[in-house]
Amino acid sequence: MTDKQLIEGIRTKDKAAFDGLFRKWYPVLLAYARNYVDNEDAKNLVQDLMVHLWENASRLNVGENVGAYLHTATRNRCLDHISKENTHKKMLSSLRMALIETNIDLQPYSAKEVYEKFEKALLSLPQEQRDAYELSRFEKHTYKEIAEMTDVAVKTVQYRVKAATQKLVTMLGDILPIVTYFLLNQHN
């Protein structure tokens, strides 16, 4: 089968067509993704792309060149991952500096402990919730923008941010005022 025929098969939820596309393109896309990210992230990103193809085949506009579409989608996922990783690192670095520079009484915690506790709490969130939370709170995107970026409904974004916020409140407990102070003042 040609790639175009495989995509058409996937649109009708033909598992054999998906398997054929996966077997043909997964190793190629994995090698390509490794040019951008480490092996583990490459595996996750390419697998996520394949799941996205299966779940959204009826809405995809692949065009004539399936290989070009898959390479572009893989590259975009890798670049998004790198951007999110860099945003996360910058945010944590900013939190660390804010905690050091402010006169907030950190007792009984050191700035390092607050930073580590916040980082642990953030990283423990499910990926979708963490992404929505970071895009909303740190990159200052609207729910509508996030919905368009992640290809989900606005209500889904609202739910994810709310769920992430509730989990962070529970996990951060007594250091929440310190983290809140930072979040409110980080862009001023």
N, C-alpha and C. Protein backbone atom coordinates (compact mmCIF):
# COMPACT_ATOMS: atom_id res chain seq x y z
N MET A 1 0.84 -1.20 0.00
CA MET A 1 0.00 0.00 0.00
C MET A 1 0.87 1.24 0.00
N THR A 2 0.40 2.28 -0.66
CA THR A 2 1.11 3.55 -0.64
C THR A 2 0.81 4.26 0.68
N ASP A 3 1.62 5.25 0.98
CA ASP A 3 1.38 6.03 2.21
C ASP A 3 0.00 6.68 2.18
N LYS A 4 -0.38 7.19 1.04
CA LYS A 4 -1.68 7.83 0.90
C LYS A 4 -2.81 6.83 1.19
N GLN A 5 -2.65 5.59 0.70
CA GLN A 5 -3.65 4.56 0.96
C GLN A 5 -3.68 4.18 2.44
N LEU A 6 -2.51 4.16 3.06
CA LEU A 6 -2.46 3.87 4.49
C LEU A 6 -3.21 4.94 5.29
N ILE A 7 -3.00 6.21 4.94
CA ILE A 7 -3.70 7.31 5.63
C ILE A 7 -5.21 7.17 5.42
N GLU A 8 -5.62 6.86 4.21
CA GLU A 8 -7.05 6.68 3.95
C GLU A 8 -7.60 5.52 4.79
N GLY A 9 -6.82 4.46 4.92
CA GLY A 9 -7.22 3.33 5.75
C GLY A 9 -7.35 3.73 7.21
N ILE A 10 -6.43 4.52 7.69
CA ILE A 10 -6.46 4.99 9.08
C ILE A 10 -7.70 5.84 9.31
N ARG A 11 -8.08 6.62 8.31
CA ARG A 11 -9.28 7.45 8.44
C ARG A 11 -10.54 6.61 8.68
N THR A 12 -10.51 5.37 8.19
CA THR A 12 -11.66 4.48 8.39
C THR A 12 -11.41 3.52 9.56
N LYS A 13 -10.38 3.85 10.36
CA LYS A 13 -10.01 3.07 11.56
C LYS A 13 -9.58 1.65 11.23
N ASP A 14 -8.91 1.49 10.09
CA ASP A 14 -8.35 0.20 9.68
C ASP A 14 -7.03 -0.01 10.44
N LYS A 15 -7.06 -0.93 11.40
CA LYS A 15 -5.89 -1.17 12.25
C LYS A 15 -4.70 -1.69 11.45
N ALA A 16 -4.95 -2.45 10.40
CA ALA A 16 -3.86 -2.97 9.57
C ALA A 16 -3.16 -1.81 8.85
N ALA A 17 -3.92 -0.81 8.43
CA ALA A 17 -3.33 0.35 7.76
C ALA A 17 -2.48 1.14 8.76
N PHE A 18 -3.00 1.30 9.97
CA PHE A 18 -2.22 2.01 11.00
C PHE A 18 -0.93 1.25 11.30
N ASP A 19 -1.05 -0.06 11.44
CA ASP A 19 0.12 -0.89 11.72
C ASP A 19 1.15 -0.75 10.60
N GLY A 20 0.69 -0.74 9.35
CA GLY A 20 1.60 -0.58 8.22
C GLY A 20 2.31 0.76 8.24
N LEU A 21 1.55 1.82 8.51
CA LEU A 21 2.15 3.15 8.59
C LEU A 21 3.13 3.23 9.75
N PHE A 22 2.74 2.68 10.90
CA PHE A 22 3.59 2.70 12.08
C PHE A 22 4.90 1.97 11.81
N ARG A 23 4.81 0.77 11.26
CA ARG A 23 6.02 -0.02 11.00
C ARG A 23 6.95 0.67 10.00
N LYS A 24 6.37 1.32 9.02
CA LYS A 24 7.18 1.98 7.99
C LYS A 24 7.82 3.26 8.52
N TRP A 25 7.04 4.08 9.23
CA TRP A 25 7.50 5.42 9.56
C TRP A 25 8.06 5.60 10.97
N TYR A 26 7.67 4.76 11.92
CA TYR A 26 8.15 4.95 13.29
C TYR A 26 9.68 4.99 13.37
N PRO A 27 10.40 4.00 12.80
CA PRO A 27 11.87 4.04 12.92
C PRO A 27 12.48 5.27 12.23
N VAL A 28 11.91 5.66 11.12
CA VAL A 28 12.42 6.82 10.38
C VAL A 28 12.22 8.10 11.20
N LEU A 29 11.01 8.26 11.74
CA LEU A 29 10.70 9.46 12.52
C LEU A 29 11.46 9.47 13.85
N LEU A 30 11.66 8.30 14.42
CA LEU A 30 12.44 8.21 15.66
C LEU A 30 13.87 8.70 15.43
N ALA A 31 14.49 8.24 14.35
CA ALA A 31 15.85 8.68 14.02
C ALA A 31 15.87 10.19 13.77
N TYR A 32 14.86 10.69 13.09
CA TYR A 32 14.77 12.12 12.81
C TYR A 32 14.61 12.93 14.11
N ALA A 33 13.74 12.47 15.00
CA ALA A 33 13.49 13.17 16.26
C ALA A 33 14.75 13.21 17.13
N ARG A 34 15.57 12.18 17.03
CA ARG A 34 16.80 12.14 17.83
C ARG A 34 17.78 13.24 17.45
N ASN A 35 17.57 13.87 16.31
CA ASN A 35 18.39 15.03 15.93
C ASN A 35 18.07 16.24 16.79
N TYR A 36 16.90 16.23 17.42
CA TYR A 36 16.44 17.36 18.22
C TYR A 36 16.45 17.10 19.72
N VAL A 37 16.03 15.90 20.11
CA VAL A 37 15.84 15.59 21.53
C VAL A 37 16.51 14.26 21.86
N ASP A 38 16.61 13.95 23.15
CA ASP A 38 17.24 12.69 23.54
C ASP A 38 16.34 11.50 23.17
N ASN A 39 16.90 10.32 23.27
CA ASN A 39 16.24 9.10 22.81
C ASN A 39 14.88 8.88 23.48
N GLU A 40 14.80 9.04 24.78
CA GLU A 40 13.55 8.80 25.49
C GLU A 40 12.47 9.79 25.06
N ASP A 41 12.83 11.06 24.97
CA ASP A 41 11.86 12.06 24.52
C ASP A 41 11.46 11.79 23.07
N ALA A 42 12.42 11.39 22.24
CA ALA A 42 12.12 11.09 20.83
C ALA A 42 11.08 9.98 20.75
N LYS A 43 11.27 8.91 21.52
CA LYS A 43 10.31 7.81 21.52
C LYS A 43 8.92 8.30 21.91
N ASN A 44 8.85 9.07 23.00
CA ASN A 44 7.55 9.56 23.48
C ASN A 44 6.88 10.47 22.46
N LEU A 45 7.65 11.38 21.86
CA LEU A 45 7.07 12.33 20.92
C LEU A 45 6.57 11.65 19.66
N VAL A 46 7.33 10.69 19.14
CA VAL A 46 6.90 9.99 17.92
C VAL A 46 5.70 9.09 18.23
N GLN A 47 5.71 8.44 19.37
CA GLN A 47 4.54 7.63 19.75
C GLN A 47 3.30 8.51 19.91
N ASP A 48 3.48 9.68 20.53
CA ASP A 48 2.36 10.62 20.67
C ASP A 48 1.83 11.05 19.30
N LEU A 49 2.74 11.28 18.36
CA LEU A 49 2.32 11.65 17.01
C LEU A 49 1.51 10.53 16.38
N MET A 50 1.97 9.30 16.53
CA MET A 50 1.25 8.17 15.95
C MET A 50 -0.15 8.02 16.57
N VAL A 51 -0.24 8.20 17.87
CA VAL A 51 -1.55 8.15 18.55
C VAL A 51 -2.43 9.28 18.03
N HIS A 52 -1.85 10.46 17.87
CA HIS A 52 -2.59 11.61 17.35
C HIS A 52 -3.12 11.30 15.94
N LEU A 53 -2.31 10.67 15.12
CA LEU A 53 -2.76 10.30 13.77
C LEU A 53 -3.97 9.37 13.84
N TRP A 54 -3.89 8.38 14.71
CA TRP A 54 -4.99 7.42 14.83
C TRP A 54 -6.26 8.10 15.35
N GLU A 55 -6.11 8.90 16.38
CA GLU A 55 -7.28 9.51 17.01
C GLU A 55 -7.90 10.63 16.18
N ASN A 56 -7.10 11.28 15.34
CA ASN A 56 -7.59 12.46 14.62
C ASN A 56 -7.53 12.31 13.10
N ALA A 57 -7.42 11.11 12.61
CA ALA A 57 -7.24 10.88 11.17
C ALA A 57 -8.32 11.52 10.32
N SER A 58 -9.53 11.51 10.79
CA SER A 58 -10.62 12.07 9.98
C SER A 58 -10.51 13.58 9.81
N ARG A 59 -9.79 14.24 10.71
CA ARG A 59 -9.67 15.71 10.66
C ARG A 59 -8.34 16.18 10.08
N LEU A 60 -7.41 15.26 9.81
CA LEU A 60 -6.09 15.66 9.36
C LEU A 60 -6.08 16.00 7.87
N ASN A 61 -5.27 16.99 7.54
CA ASN A 61 -5.07 17.36 6.15
C ASN A 61 -3.61 17.06 5.81
N VAL A 62 -3.35 15.81 5.48
CA VAL A 62 -1.99 15.34 5.28
C VAL A 62 -1.40 15.82 3.96
N GLY A 63 -2.23 15.94 2.95
CA GLY A 63 -1.73 16.36 1.64
C GLY A 63 -1.19 15.19 0.86
N GLU A 64 -0.48 15.50 -0.22
CA GLU A 64 0.02 14.46 -1.12
C GLU A 64 1.26 13.75 -0.59
N ASN A 65 2.11 14.47 0.13
CA ASN A 65 3.39 13.91 0.57
C ASN A 65 3.29 13.54 2.06
N VAL A 66 2.96 12.31 2.34
CA VAL A 66 2.78 11.84 3.71
C VAL A 66 4.09 11.94 4.48
N GLY A 67 5.19 11.60 3.84
CA GLY A 67 6.50 11.67 4.50
C GLY A 67 6.84 13.08 4.95
N ALA A 68 6.57 14.05 4.09
CA ALA A 68 6.84 15.44 4.45
C ALA A 68 5.96 15.87 5.63
N TYR A 69 4.69 15.46 5.59
CA TYR A 69 3.78 15.78 6.69
C TYR A 69 4.29 15.18 8.00
N LEU A 70 4.67 13.92 7.98
CA LEU A 70 5.13 13.25 9.20
C LEU A 70 6.43 13.85 9.72
N HIS A 71 7.34 14.19 8.82
CA HIS A 71 8.59 14.82 9.25
C HIS A 71 8.33 16.20 9.86
N THR A 72 7.46 16.97 9.23
CA THR A 72 7.14 18.30 9.73
C THR A 72 6.45 18.19 11.10
N ALA A 73 5.51 17.27 11.22
CA ALA A 73 4.81 17.09 12.50
C ALA A 73 5.78 16.65 13.59
N THR A 74 6.72 15.78 13.25
CA THR A 74 7.72 15.33 14.22
C THR A 74 8.61 16.48 14.64
N ARG A 75 9.10 17.24 13.67
CA ARG A 75 9.95 18.39 13.99
C ARG A 75 9.21 19.39 14.87
N ASN A 76 7.97 19.68 14.55
CA ASN A 76 7.20 20.63 15.34
C ASN A 76 6.99 20.14 16.77
N ARG A 77 6.73 18.87 16.94
CA ARG A 77 6.58 18.32 18.28
C ARG A 77 7.89 18.41 19.06
N CYS A 78 8.99 18.15 18.39
CA CYS A 78 10.30 18.25 19.05
C CYS A 78 10.59 19.69 19.46
N LEU A 79 10.34 20.64 18.55
CA LEU A 79 10.59 22.04 18.87
C LEU A 79 9.67 22.55 19.98
N ASP A 80 8.42 22.11 19.97
CA ASP A 80 7.50 22.46 21.07
C ASP A 80 8.01 21.91 22.39
N HIS A 81 8.49 20.68 22.36
CA HIS A 81 9.03 20.05 23.57
C HIS A 81 10.23 20.83 24.09
N ILE A 82 11.12 21.21 23.21
CA ILE A 82 12.30 21.98 23.60
C ILE A 82 11.88 23.32 24.19
N SER A 83 10.91 23.96 23.55
CA SER A 83 10.42 25.26 24.04
C SER A 83 9.81 25.13 25.43
N LYS A 84 8.99 24.10 25.62
CA LYS A 84 8.37 23.88 26.94
C LYS A 84 9.43 23.60 28.00
N GLU A 85 10.42 22.81 27.61
CA GLU A 85 11.49 22.48 28.55
C GLU A 85 12.26 23.75 28.94
N ASN A 86 12.54 24.60 27.95
CA ASN A 86 13.25 25.84 28.23
C ASN A 86 12.41 26.79 29.08
N THR A 87 11.11 26.87 28.78
CA THR A 87 10.21 27.72 29.57
C THR A 87 10.18 27.23 31.01
N HIS A 88 10.09 25.94 31.18
CA HIS A 88 10.06 25.35 32.52
C HIS A 88 11.35 25.68 33.27
N LYS A 89 12.48 25.54 32.62
CA LYS A 89 13.76 25.83 33.26
C LYS A 89 13.88 27.32 33.63
N LYS A 90 13.44 28.19 32.71
CA LYS A 90 13.49 29.63 32.98
C LYS A 90 12.59 29.99 34.16
N MET A 91 11.39 29.39 34.18
CA MET A 91 10.46 29.68 35.25
C MET A 91 11.03 29.25 36.60
N LEU A 92 11.60 28.06 36.64
CA LEU A 92 12.17 27.57 37.89
C LEU A 92 13.38 28.41 38.32
N SER A 93 14.16 28.83 37.35
CA SER A 93 15.31 29.69 37.65
C SER A 93 14.82 31.04 38.18
N SER A 94 13.76 31.58 37.58
CA SER A 94 13.20 32.84 38.06
C SER A 94 12.66 32.71 39.47
N LEU A 95 11.99 31.60 39.74
CA LEU A 95 11.47 31.36 41.09
C LEU A 95 12.63 31.32 42.08
N ARG A 96 13.65 30.63 41.72
CA ARG A 96 14.81 30.52 42.61
C ARG A 96 15.40 31.90 42.91
N MET A 97 15.57 32.72 41.87
CA MET A 97 16.13 34.07 42.06
C MET A 97 15.17 34.94 42.87
N ALA A 98 13.87 34.84 42.60
CA ALA A 98 12.89 35.64 43.33
C ALA A 98 12.91 35.29 44.81
N LEU A 99 13.03 34.02 45.09
CA LEU A 99 13.06 33.60 46.49
C LEU A 99 14.31 34.11 47.21
N ILE A 100 15.40 34.17 46.50
CA ILE A 100 16.65 34.65 47.08
C ILE A 100 16.59 36.17 47.29
N GLU A 101 15.99 36.89 46.32
CA GLU A 101 16.01 38.35 46.35
C GLU A 101 14.92 38.99 47.20
N THR A 102 13.85 38.25 47.51
CA THR A 102 12.74 38.85 48.27
C THR A 102 13.04 38.82 49.76
N ASN A 103 12.27 39.61 50.47
CA ASN A 103 12.40 39.63 51.92
C ASN A 103 11.35 38.77 52.61
N ILE A 104 10.73 37.87 51.83
CA ILE A 104 9.71 37.01 52.41
C ILE A 104 10.38 36.07 53.40
N ASP A 105 9.75 35.94 54.55
CA ASP A 105 10.28 35.03 55.56
C ASP A 105 10.04 33.60 55.08
N LEU A 106 11.10 32.90 54.76
CA LEU A 106 11.00 31.55 54.24
C LEU A 106 11.03 30.49 55.34
N GLN A 107 11.13 30.92 56.56
CA GLN A 107 11.23 29.94 57.64
C GLN A 107 9.97 29.11 57.66
N PRO A 108 10.04 27.84 57.82
CA PRO A 108 11.24 27.05 58.12
C PRO A 108 11.95 26.53 56.88
N TYR A 109 11.68 27.10 55.68
CA TYR A 109 12.27 26.58 54.46
C TYR A 109 13.37 27.50 53.94
N SER A 110 14.34 26.91 53.30
CA SER A 110 15.33 27.70 52.58
C SER A 110 14.78 27.94 51.17
N ALA A 111 15.36 28.88 50.46
CA ALA A 111 14.94 29.15 49.09
C ALA A 111 15.08 27.89 48.24
N LYS A 112 16.14 27.15 48.48
CA LYS A 112 16.38 25.91 47.73
C LYS A 112 15.27 24.91 47.99
N GLU A 113 14.83 24.80 49.23
CA GLU A 113 13.77 23.84 49.57
C GLU A 113 12.45 24.23 48.91
N VAL A 114 12.14 25.53 48.89
CA VAL A 114 10.91 26.00 48.25
C VAL A 114 10.98 25.70 46.76
N TYR A 115 12.10 26.03 46.17
CA TYR A 115 12.33 25.78 44.74
C TYR A 115 12.16 24.30 44.43
N GLU A 116 12.79 23.45 45.21
CA GLU A 116 12.73 22.01 44.96
C GLU A 116 11.32 21.46 45.17
N LYS A 117 10.63 21.95 46.18
CA LYS A 117 9.27 21.49 46.46
C LYS A 117 8.33 21.90 45.31
N PHE A 118 8.49 23.13 44.84
CA PHE A 118 7.66 23.61 43.73
C PHE A 118 7.96 22.81 42.46
N GLU A 119 9.23 22.60 42.18
CA GLU A 119 9.61 21.85 40.98
C GLU A 119 9.04 20.43 41.04
N LYS A 120 9.15 19.80 42.19
CA LYS A 120 8.64 18.43 42.35
C LYS A 120 7.12 18.41 42.15
N ALA A 121 6.43 19.37 42.73
CA ALA A 121 4.97 19.43 42.58
C ALA A 121 4.59 19.64 41.12
N LEU A 122 5.26 20.54 40.45
CA LEU A 122 4.95 20.83 39.05
C LEU A 122 5.21 19.62 38.17
N LEU A 123 6.33 18.96 38.39
CA LEU A 123 6.68 17.79 37.57
C LEU A 123 5.80 16.58 37.86
N SER A 124 5.14 16.57 39.01
CA SER A 124 4.27 15.43 39.34
C SER A 124 2.90 15.53 38.68
N LEU A 125 2.58 16.70 38.13
CA LEU A 125 1.30 16.85 37.44
C LEU A 125 1.27 16.01 36.17
N PRO A 126 0.10 15.52 35.78
CA PRO A 126 0.00 14.86 34.47
C PRO A 126 0.42 15.83 33.38
N GLN A 127 1.05 15.32 32.33
CA GLN A 127 1.63 16.15 31.27
C GLN A 127 0.64 17.18 30.72
N GLU A 128 -0.59 16.75 30.42
CA GLU A 128 -1.56 17.67 29.83
C GLU A 128 -1.90 18.82 30.78
N GLN A 129 -2.02 18.51 32.07
CA GLN A 129 -2.33 19.55 33.05
C GLN A 129 -1.14 20.48 33.22
N ARG A 130 0.06 19.92 33.29
CA ARG A 130 1.25 20.76 33.46
C ARG A 130 1.42 21.68 32.26
N ASP A 131 1.25 21.15 31.06
CA ASP A 131 1.38 21.97 29.86
C ASP A 131 0.38 23.12 29.86
N ALA A 132 -0.88 22.81 30.15
CA ALA A 132 -1.92 23.84 30.17
C ALA A 132 -1.62 24.88 31.24
N TYR A 133 -1.21 24.43 32.42
CA TYR A 133 -0.89 25.33 33.53
C TYR A 133 0.27 26.25 33.16
N GLU A 134 1.34 25.68 32.62
CA GLU A 134 2.52 26.48 32.27
C GLU A 134 2.20 27.48 31.16
N LEU A 135 1.45 27.04 30.15
CA LEU A 135 1.08 27.95 29.06
C LEU A 135 0.21 29.10 29.57
N SER A 136 -0.67 28.79 30.51
CA SER A 136 -1.56 29.79 31.07
C SER A 136 -0.84 30.72 32.05
N ARG A 137 -0.16 30.15 33.02
CA ARG A 137 0.41 30.93 34.11
C ARG A 137 1.77 31.55 33.81
N PHE A 138 2.61 30.84 33.06
CA PHE A 138 3.97 31.33 32.85
C PHE A 138 4.16 31.99 31.49
N GLU A 139 3.49 31.47 30.47
CA GLU A 139 3.62 32.07 29.14
C GLU A 139 2.48 33.04 28.84
N LYS A 140 1.52 33.11 29.77
CA LYS A 140 0.41 34.07 29.71
C LYS A 140 -0.48 33.95 28.47
N HIS A 141 -0.68 32.71 28.00
CA HIS A 141 -1.60 32.48 26.88
C HIS A 141 -3.02 32.40 27.43
N THR A 142 -3.98 32.80 26.61
CA THR A 142 -5.39 32.67 26.99
C THR A 142 -5.81 31.21 26.84
N TYR A 143 -6.93 30.86 27.46
CA TYR A 143 -7.44 29.51 27.32
C TYR A 143 -7.73 29.20 25.85
N LYS A 144 -8.25 30.17 25.13
CA LYS A 144 -8.55 29.97 23.71
C LYS A 144 -7.26 29.69 22.93
N GLU A 145 -6.22 30.44 23.20
CA GLU A 145 -4.94 30.23 22.51
C GLU A 145 -4.39 28.83 22.82
N ILE A 146 -4.48 28.44 24.07
CA ILE A 146 -3.97 27.12 24.48
C ILE A 146 -4.79 26.03 23.80
N ALA A 147 -6.09 26.21 23.72
CA ALA A 147 -6.95 25.23 23.07
C ALA A 147 -6.55 25.05 21.60
N GLU A 148 -6.27 26.16 20.94
CA GLU A 148 -5.85 26.09 19.54
C GLU A 148 -4.48 25.43 19.41
N MET A 149 -3.57 25.74 20.31
CA MET A 149 -2.22 25.18 20.27
C MET A 149 -2.21 23.68 20.53
N THR A 150 -3.10 23.22 21.40
CA THR A 150 -3.09 21.81 21.81
C THR A 150 -4.20 21.00 21.15
N ASP A 151 -4.99 21.65 20.31
CA ASP A 151 -6.04 20.97 19.57
C ASP A 151 -7.06 20.29 20.48
N VAL A 152 -7.48 21.03 21.52
CA VAL A 152 -8.54 20.56 22.41
C VAL A 152 -9.54 21.69 22.61
N ALA A 153 -10.65 21.38 23.23
CA ALA A 153 -11.69 22.39 23.50
C ALA A 153 -11.24 23.35 24.61
N VAL A 154 -11.77 24.56 24.58
CA VAL A 154 -11.46 25.56 25.60
C VAL A 154 -11.85 25.03 26.98
N LYS A 155 -12.98 24.36 27.08
CA LYS A 155 -13.42 23.80 28.36
C LYS A 155 -12.41 22.77 28.88
N THR A 156 -11.79 22.04 27.99
CA THR A 156 -10.77 21.06 28.39
C THR A 156 -9.57 21.78 28.98
N VAL A 157 -9.17 22.88 28.36
CA VAL A 157 -8.06 23.67 28.88
C VAL A 157 -8.41 24.21 30.26
N GLN A 158 -9.62 24.75 30.40
CA GLN A 158 -10.06 25.27 31.70
C GLN A 158 -10.00 24.18 32.77
N TYR A 159 -10.49 23.01 32.42
CA TYR A 159 -10.47 21.89 33.37
C TYR A 159 -9.04 21.54 33.76
N ARG A 160 -8.15 21.46 32.76
CA ARG A 160 -6.77 21.07 33.04
C ARG A 160 -6.06 22.08 33.94
N VAL A 161 -6.27 23.36 33.68
CA VAL A 161 -5.62 24.39 34.51
C VAL A 161 -6.20 24.35 35.92
N LYS A 162 -7.51 24.20 36.02
CA LYS A 162 -8.13 24.13 37.35
C LYS A 162 -7.64 22.91 38.11
N ALA A 163 -7.59 21.76 37.46
CA ALA A 163 -7.13 20.53 38.11
C ALA A 163 -5.68 20.68 38.55
N ALA A 164 -4.84 21.27 37.69
CA ALA A 164 -3.43 21.47 38.04
C ALA A 164 -3.31 22.40 39.24
N THR A 165 -4.09 23.46 39.24
CA THR A 165 -4.05 24.42 40.34
C THR A 165 -4.46 23.76 41.65
N GLN A 166 -5.52 22.99 41.60
CA GLN A 166 -5.99 22.31 42.81
C GLN A 166 -4.93 21.34 43.35
N LYS A 167 -4.30 20.61 42.46
CA LYS A 167 -3.26 19.66 42.88
C LYS A 167 -2.06 20.40 43.47
N LEU A 168 -1.68 21.53 42.84
CA LEU A 168 -0.54 22.30 43.36
C LEU A 168 -0.86 22.87 44.74
N VAL A 169 -2.08 23.35 44.93
CA VAL A 169 -2.49 23.88 46.24
C VAL A 169 -2.34 22.78 47.29
N THR A 170 -2.80 21.59 46.97
CA THR A 170 -2.70 20.47 47.91
C THR A 170 -1.25 20.11 48.19
N MET A 171 -0.44 20.04 47.15
CA MET A 171 0.95 19.60 47.32
C MET A 171 1.84 20.65 47.97
N LEU A 172 1.57 21.94 47.69
CA LEU A 172 2.47 22.99 48.17
C LEU A 172 2.13 23.45 49.59
N GLY A 173 0.90 23.27 49.99
CA GLY A 173 0.51 23.56 51.36
C GLY A 173 1.04 24.88 51.89
N ASP A 174 1.92 24.81 52.90
CA ASP A 174 2.36 26.00 53.61
C ASP A 174 3.33 26.90 52.83
N ILE A 175 3.84 26.45 51.71
CA ILE A 175 4.70 27.35 50.92
C ILE A 175 3.92 28.02 49.80
N LEU A 176 2.63 27.72 49.70
CA LEU A 176 1.82 28.30 48.64
C LEU A 176 1.87 29.83 48.62
N PRO A 177 1.81 30.53 49.75
CA PRO A 177 1.90 31.99 49.70
C PRO A 177 3.20 32.50 49.05
N ILE A 178 4.28 31.81 49.30
CA ILE A 178 5.56 32.22 48.71
C ILE A 178 5.53 32.02 47.20
N VAL A 179 5.06 30.87 46.76
CA VAL A 179 4.99 30.59 45.33
C VAL A 179 4.01 31.54 44.66
N THR A 180 2.88 31.81 45.30
CA THR A 180 1.89 32.73 44.75
C THR A 180 2.49 34.13 44.59
N TYR A 181 3.22 34.58 45.59
CA TYR A 181 3.88 35.88 45.50
C TYR A 181 4.78 35.94 44.27
N PHE A 182 5.54 34.89 44.07
CA PHE A 182 6.43 34.83 42.92
C PHE A 182 5.63 34.89 41.62
N LEU A 183 4.58 34.06 41.51
CA LEU A 183 3.80 34.00 40.28
C LEU A 183 3.16 35.33 39.95
N LEU A 184 2.71 36.05 40.96
CA LEU A 184 2.06 37.35 40.74
C LEU A 184 3.06 38.43 40.35
N ASN A 185 4.31 38.28 40.76
CA ASN A 185 5.29 39.34 40.53
C ASN A 185 6.36 38.99 39.50
N GLN A 186 6.31 37.84 38.89
CA GLN A 186 7.40 37.45 38.02
C GLN A 186 7.50 38.26 36.74
N HIS A 187 6.43 38.84 36.26
CA HIS A 187 6.49 39.60 35.01
C HIS A 187 6.46 41.11 35.23
N ASN A 188 6.62 41.52 36.45
CA ASN A 188 6.59 42.96 36.74
C ASN A 188 7.97 43.56 36.66
